[in-house]
Amino acid sequence: YVPDLRKAVANIHRMLKPKGDFFANLFSYNYLFDIYEQLSTVEKWKPYVHDYKRKMNQFQNTVNFKEYFQNTLSNGGFNVRYCTEERKVMVYSRDHFEGAFDHYFSV
């Protein structure tokens, strides 16, 4: 989580050597927060997800994140050579998560 992207970009630009390169990979949207929003309206789940917005990516509902990020980089002094945004849905089997949360929950 980056609370101030403009400041972070400016700091990265300042720290790079002249003609240095910078690679960034950001998550602009996460379907999980749509689920949290729905769960926050259900009494049973509300206590567990009531503060989901506090943990949510600040770009979750940005209409054109690619344009915003590219402008932020340019305004921060970067020469943007390539910028793309892809929305993907990752599908995992239940087996993939088997035991993954055992140290968090005791069921």
N, C-alpha and C. Protein backbone atom coordinates (compact mmCIF):
# COMPACT_ATOMS: atom_id res chain seq x y z
N TYR A 1 0.84 -1.18 0.00
CA TYR A 1 0.00 0.00 0.00
C TYR A 1 0.88 1.24 0.00
N VAL A 2 0.61 2.13 -0.94
CA VAL A 2 1.36 3.39 -1.05
C VAL A 2 0.37 4.52 -0.79
N PRO A 3 0.45 5.18 0.37
CA PRO A 3 -0.53 6.22 0.69
C PRO A 3 -0.44 7.46 -0.20
N ASP A 4 0.73 7.78 -0.72
CA ASP A 4 0.88 8.97 -1.56
C ASP A 4 1.73 8.60 -2.78
N LEU A 5 1.06 8.19 -3.85
CA LEU A 5 1.76 7.71 -5.04
C LEU A 5 2.63 8.79 -5.66
N ARG A 6 2.13 10.01 -5.71
CA ARG A 6 2.92 11.10 -6.31
C ARG A 6 4.25 11.30 -5.57
N LYS A 7 4.18 11.28 -4.26
CA LYS A 7 5.39 11.45 -3.45
C LYS A 7 6.34 10.26 -3.65
N ALA A 8 5.78 9.06 -3.70
CA ALA A 8 6.60 7.86 -3.90
C ALA A 8 7.31 7.91 -5.25
N VAL A 9 6.59 8.30 -6.29
CA VAL A 9 7.18 8.39 -7.64
C VAL A 9 8.28 9.44 -7.66
N ALA A 10 8.03 10.59 -7.04
CA ALA A 10 9.04 11.65 -6.99
C ALA A 10 10.29 11.17 -6.26
N ASN A 11 10.11 10.45 -5.16
CA ASN A 11 11.26 9.93 -4.40
C ASN A 11 12.04 8.89 -5.20
N ILE A 12 11.33 8.03 -5.89
CA ILE A 12 12.00 7.01 -6.72
C ILE A 12 12.81 7.70 -7.81
N HIS A 13 12.22 8.69 -8.45
CA HIS A 13 12.91 9.42 -9.52
C HIS A 13 14.16 10.11 -8.98
N ARG A 14 14.04 10.68 -7.81
CA ARG A 14 15.16 11.40 -7.18
C ARG A 14 16.31 10.44 -6.84
N MET A 15 15.98 9.21 -6.44
CA MET A 15 17.00 8.25 -6.01
C MET A 15 17.67 7.51 -7.17
N LEU A 16 17.05 7.49 -8.32
CA LEU A 16 17.63 6.77 -9.46
C LEU A 16 18.86 7.49 -10.00
N LYS A 17 19.79 6.70 -10.51
CA LYS A 17 20.94 7.27 -11.20
C LYS A 17 20.45 7.88 -12.51
N PRO A 18 21.16 8.85 -13.06
CA PRO A 18 20.77 9.41 -14.36
C PRO A 18 20.60 8.29 -15.40
N LYS A 19 19.54 8.37 -16.14
CA LYS A 19 19.16 7.38 -17.17
C LYS A 19 18.87 6.00 -16.56
N GLY A 20 18.59 5.98 -15.26
CA GLY A 20 18.24 4.72 -14.60
C GLY A 20 16.86 4.25 -15.02
N ASP A 21 16.60 2.98 -14.82
CA ASP A 21 15.31 2.39 -15.17
C ASP A 21 14.50 2.10 -13.92
N PHE A 22 13.19 2.09 -14.10
CA PHE A 22 12.26 1.83 -13.01
C PHE A 22 11.15 0.94 -13.56
N PHE A 23 10.87 -0.15 -12.86
CA PHE A 23 9.80 -1.06 -13.24
C PHE A 23 8.80 -1.10 -12.10
N ALA A 24 7.53 -0.98 -12.43
CA ALA A 24 6.49 -1.03 -11.41
C ALA A 24 5.40 -2.00 -11.84
N ASN A 25 4.87 -2.71 -10.88
CA ASN A 25 3.76 -3.62 -11.11
C ASN A 25 2.76 -3.35 -9.99
N LEU A 26 1.64 -2.76 -10.33
CA LEU A 26 0.66 -2.37 -9.31
C LEU A 26 -0.65 -3.10 -9.53
N PHE A 27 -1.35 -3.31 -8.45
CA PHE A 27 -2.70 -3.85 -8.53
C PHE A 27 -3.67 -2.68 -8.42
N SER A 28 -4.32 -2.37 -9.53
CA SER A 28 -5.24 -1.24 -9.52
C SER A 28 -6.64 -1.64 -9.10
N TYR A 29 -6.94 -2.93 -9.15
CA TYR A 29 -8.28 -3.39 -8.83
C TYR A 29 -8.20 -4.81 -8.29
N ASN A 30 -9.00 -5.08 -7.28
CA ASN A 30 -9.03 -6.42 -6.71
C ASN A 30 -10.49 -6.80 -6.44
N TYR A 31 -10.96 -7.86 -7.08
CA TYR A 31 -12.34 -8.30 -6.93
C TYR A 31 -12.69 -8.64 -5.48
N LEU A 32 -11.69 -8.96 -4.70
CA LEU A 32 -11.92 -9.31 -3.30
C LEU A 32 -12.65 -8.20 -2.55
N PHE A 33 -12.35 -6.95 -2.88
CA PHE A 33 -12.99 -5.85 -2.17
C PHE A 33 -14.47 -5.70 -2.54
N ASP A 34 -14.85 -6.15 -3.73
CA ASP A 34 -16.27 -6.20 -4.08
C ASP A 34 -16.99 -7.20 -3.18
N ILE A 35 -16.32 -8.30 -2.91
CA ILE A 35 -16.89 -9.33 -2.03
C ILE A 35 -16.98 -8.79 -0.60
N TYR A 36 -15.91 -8.13 -0.14
CA TYR A 36 -15.93 -7.53 1.20
C TYR A 36 -17.08 -6.54 1.34
N GLU A 37 -17.30 -5.75 0.30
CA GLU A 37 -18.38 -4.76 0.35
C GLU A 37 -19.73 -5.45 0.54
N GLN A 38 -19.94 -6.54 -0.18
CA GLN A 38 -21.19 -7.29 -0.04
C GLN A 38 -21.29 -7.93 1.34
N LEU A 39 -20.19 -8.51 1.81
CA LEU A 39 -20.20 -9.15 3.13
C LEU A 39 -20.44 -8.15 4.25
N SER A 40 -20.01 -6.91 4.05
CA SER A 40 -20.17 -5.89 5.10
C SER A 40 -21.63 -5.53 5.35
N THR A 41 -22.52 -5.97 4.47
CA THR A 41 -23.95 -5.70 4.66
C THR A 41 -24.67 -6.88 5.31
N VAL A 42 -23.94 -7.97 5.54
CA VAL A 42 -24.52 -9.17 6.15
C VAL A 42 -24.10 -9.21 7.61
N GLU A 43 -25.08 -9.23 8.52
CA GLU A 43 -24.82 -9.19 9.97
C GLU A 43 -23.75 -10.19 10.40
N LYS A 44 -23.84 -11.40 9.90
CA LYS A 44 -22.92 -12.46 10.30
C LYS A 44 -21.46 -12.10 10.00
N TRP A 45 -21.21 -11.42 8.89
CA TRP A 45 -19.84 -11.14 8.44
C TRP A 45 -19.37 -9.73 8.75
N LYS A 46 -20.30 -8.85 9.07
CA LYS A 46 -19.97 -7.44 9.30
C LYS A 46 -18.82 -7.24 10.29
N PRO A 47 -18.77 -7.96 11.42
CA PRO A 47 -17.67 -7.75 12.38
C PRO A 47 -16.29 -8.07 11.80
N TYR A 48 -16.24 -8.91 10.78
CA TYR A 48 -14.95 -9.33 10.22
C TYR A 48 -14.47 -8.44 9.07
N VAL A 49 -15.40 -7.74 8.43
CA VAL A 49 -15.02 -6.95 7.25
C VAL A 49 -15.43 -5.49 7.35
N HIS A 50 -15.85 -5.05 8.52
CA HIS A 50 -16.37 -3.69 8.66
C HIS A 50 -15.37 -2.61 8.26
N ASP A 51 -14.08 -2.89 8.37
CA ASP A 51 -13.06 -1.88 8.05
C ASP A 51 -12.34 -2.18 6.74
N TYR A 52 -13.01 -2.89 5.83
CA TYR A 52 -12.36 -3.29 4.58
C TYR A 52 -11.86 -2.09 3.77
N LYS A 53 -12.56 -0.96 3.83
CA LYS A 53 -12.15 0.21 3.03
C LYS A 53 -10.81 0.76 3.50
N ARG A 54 -10.48 0.56 4.76
CA ARG A 54 -9.21 1.03 5.29
C ARG A 54 -8.03 0.26 4.67
N LYS A 55 -8.29 -0.98 4.30
CA LYS A 55 -7.25 -1.83 3.72
C LYS A 55 -7.30 -1.87 2.19
N MET A 56 -8.30 -1.20 1.64
CA MET A 56 -8.52 -1.25 0.20
C MET A 56 -7.50 -0.41 -0.55
N ASN A 57 -7.10 -0.90 -1.70
CA ASN A 57 -6.22 -0.18 -2.59
C ASN A 57 -6.86 1.17 -2.94
N GLN A 58 -6.10 2.23 -2.88
CA GLN A 58 -6.65 3.56 -3.16
C GLN A 58 -7.10 3.72 -4.61
N PHE A 59 -6.70 2.81 -5.48
CA PHE A 59 -7.07 2.89 -6.89
C PHE A 59 -8.18 1.92 -7.26
N GLN A 60 -8.79 1.30 -6.27
CA GLN A 60 -9.79 0.27 -6.49
C GLN A 60 -10.87 0.70 -7.48
N ASN A 61 -11.36 1.90 -7.36
CA ASN A 61 -12.46 2.35 -8.21
C ASN A 61 -12.05 3.44 -9.19
N THR A 62 -10.76 3.54 -9.47
CA THR A 62 -10.29 4.52 -10.44
C THR A 62 -10.76 4.10 -11.82
N VAL A 63 -11.40 5.03 -12.53
CA VAL A 63 -11.97 4.71 -13.84
C VAL A 63 -10.89 4.38 -14.87
N ASN A 64 -9.85 5.21 -14.96
CA ASN A 64 -8.80 4.97 -15.94
C ASN A 64 -7.45 5.00 -15.23
N PHE A 65 -7.14 3.91 -14.55
CA PHE A 65 -5.91 3.86 -13.76
C PHE A 65 -4.67 4.01 -14.63
N LYS A 66 -4.66 3.39 -15.80
CA LYS A 66 -3.49 3.46 -16.67
C LYS A 66 -3.14 4.92 -16.97
N GLU A 67 -4.12 5.69 -17.37
CA GLU A 67 -3.88 7.11 -17.68
C GLU A 67 -3.40 7.86 -16.44
N TYR A 68 -4.05 7.60 -15.31
CA TYR A 68 -3.66 8.26 -14.06
C TYR A 68 -2.21 7.94 -13.69
N PHE A 69 -1.86 6.65 -13.75
CA PHE A 69 -0.51 6.23 -13.37
C PHE A 69 0.53 6.79 -14.35
N GLN A 70 0.22 6.73 -15.63
CA GLN A 70 1.14 7.25 -16.64
C GLN A 70 1.38 8.75 -16.43
N ASN A 71 0.32 9.49 -16.16
CA ASN A 71 0.46 10.93 -15.89
C ASN A 71 1.26 11.18 -14.61
N THR A 72 1.03 10.36 -13.60
CA THR A 72 1.76 10.51 -12.34
C THR A 72 3.25 10.28 -12.57
N LEU A 73 3.59 9.27 -13.35
CA LEU A 73 4.99 9.01 -13.67
C LEU A 73 5.60 10.16 -14.47
N SER A 74 4.89 10.62 -15.48
CA SER A 74 5.39 11.73 -16.31
C SER A 74 5.58 12.98 -15.48
N ASN A 75 4.60 13.29 -14.65
CA ASN A 75 4.69 14.47 -13.78
C ASN A 75 5.81 14.34 -12.76
N GLY A 76 6.18 13.10 -12.43
CA GLY A 76 7.26 12.85 -11.49
C GLY A 76 8.63 12.87 -12.14
N GLY A 77 8.67 13.15 -13.44
CA GLY A 77 9.95 13.27 -14.14
C GLY A 77 10.35 12.08 -14.98
N PHE A 78 9.52 11.05 -15.02
CA PHE A 78 9.86 9.85 -15.78
C PHE A 78 9.47 9.98 -17.25
N ASN A 79 10.26 9.33 -18.10
CA ASN A 79 9.93 9.18 -19.51
C ASN A 79 9.31 7.80 -19.63
N VAL A 80 8.00 7.73 -19.79
CA VAL A 80 7.28 6.46 -19.78
C VAL A 80 7.40 5.81 -21.16
N ARG A 81 8.00 4.63 -21.19
CA ARG A 81 8.17 3.92 -22.46
C ARG A 81 7.04 2.93 -22.71
N TYR A 82 6.52 2.37 -21.65
CA TYR A 82 5.46 1.37 -21.82
C TYR A 82 4.60 1.36 -20.57
N CYS A 83 3.31 1.43 -20.76
CA CYS A 83 2.38 1.38 -19.62
C CYS A 83 1.13 0.65 -20.10
N THR A 84 0.72 -0.34 -19.37
CA THR A 84 -0.48 -1.09 -19.74
C THR A 84 -1.26 -1.45 -18.49
N GLU A 85 -2.53 -1.70 -18.68
CA GLU A 85 -3.38 -2.16 -17.58
C GLU A 85 -4.14 -3.38 -18.07
N GLU A 86 -4.09 -4.44 -17.30
CA GLU A 86 -4.80 -5.66 -17.64
C GLU A 86 -5.64 -6.08 -16.45
N ARG A 87 -6.88 -6.40 -16.71
CA ARG A 87 -7.74 -6.93 -15.65
C ARG A 87 -7.79 -8.44 -15.83
N LYS A 88 -7.44 -9.14 -14.79
CA LYS A 88 -7.42 -10.59 -14.85
C LYS A 88 -8.18 -11.16 -13.66
N VAL A 89 -8.78 -12.28 -13.89
CA VAL A 89 -9.42 -13.03 -12.82
C VAL A 89 -8.62 -14.32 -12.66
N MET A 90 -8.10 -14.54 -11.48
CA MET A 90 -7.34 -15.74 -11.21
C MET A 90 -8.28 -16.77 -10.58
N VAL A 91 -8.29 -17.96 -11.11
CA VAL A 91 -9.15 -19.02 -10.59
C VAL A 91 -8.26 -20.10 -10.00
N TYR A 92 -8.53 -20.43 -8.75
CA TYR A 92 -7.76 -21.46 -8.05
C TYR A 92 -8.69 -22.55 -7.56
N SER A 93 -8.19 -23.74 -7.47
CA SER A 93 -8.98 -24.84 -6.93
C SER A 93 -8.94 -24.76 -5.40
N ARG A 94 -9.88 -25.40 -4.78
CA ARG A 94 -9.93 -25.45 -3.32
C ARG A 94 -8.64 -26.07 -2.76
N ASP A 95 -8.11 -27.05 -3.47
CA ASP A 95 -6.87 -27.71 -3.04
C ASP A 95 -5.71 -26.73 -2.91
N HIS A 96 -5.71 -25.72 -3.73
CA HIS A 96 -4.64 -24.72 -3.71
C HIS A 96 -4.55 -24.04 -2.34
N PHE A 97 -5.70 -23.85 -1.70
CA PHE A 97 -5.74 -23.14 -0.43
C PHE A 97 -5.80 -24.05 0.79
N GLU A 98 -5.85 -25.35 0.55
CA GLU A 98 -5.95 -26.31 1.65
C GLU A 98 -4.82 -26.09 2.65
N GLY A 99 -5.18 -25.76 3.86
CA GLY A 99 -4.21 -25.57 4.93
C GLY A 99 -3.52 -24.21 4.94
N ALA A 100 -3.79 -23.38 3.94
CA ALA A 100 -3.08 -22.09 3.82
C ALA A 100 -3.39 -21.14 4.98
N PHE A 101 -4.57 -21.26 5.56
CA PHE A 101 -4.96 -20.31 6.60
C PHE A 101 -5.04 -20.94 7.99
N ASP A 102 -4.50 -22.13 8.14
CA ASP A 102 -4.57 -22.83 9.41
C ASP A 102 -3.99 -22.04 10.57
N HIS A 103 -2.96 -21.26 10.32
CA HIS A 103 -2.36 -20.49 11.43
C HIS A 103 -3.17 -19.23 11.75
N TYR A 104 -4.18 -18.90 10.92
CA TYR A 104 -5.04 -17.74 11.20
C TYR A 104 -6.34 -18.15 11.90
N PHE A 105 -6.86 -19.31 11.52
CA PHE A 105 -8.17 -19.72 12.01
C PHE A 105 -8.10 -21.07 12.69
N SER A 106 -8.96 -21.24 13.63
CA SER A 106 -9.11 -22.53 14.26
C SER A 106 -10.59 -22.88 14.14
N VAL A 107 -10.91 -23.81 13.25
CA VAL A 107 -12.32 -24.13 12.98
C VAL A 107 -12.67 -25.46 13.57
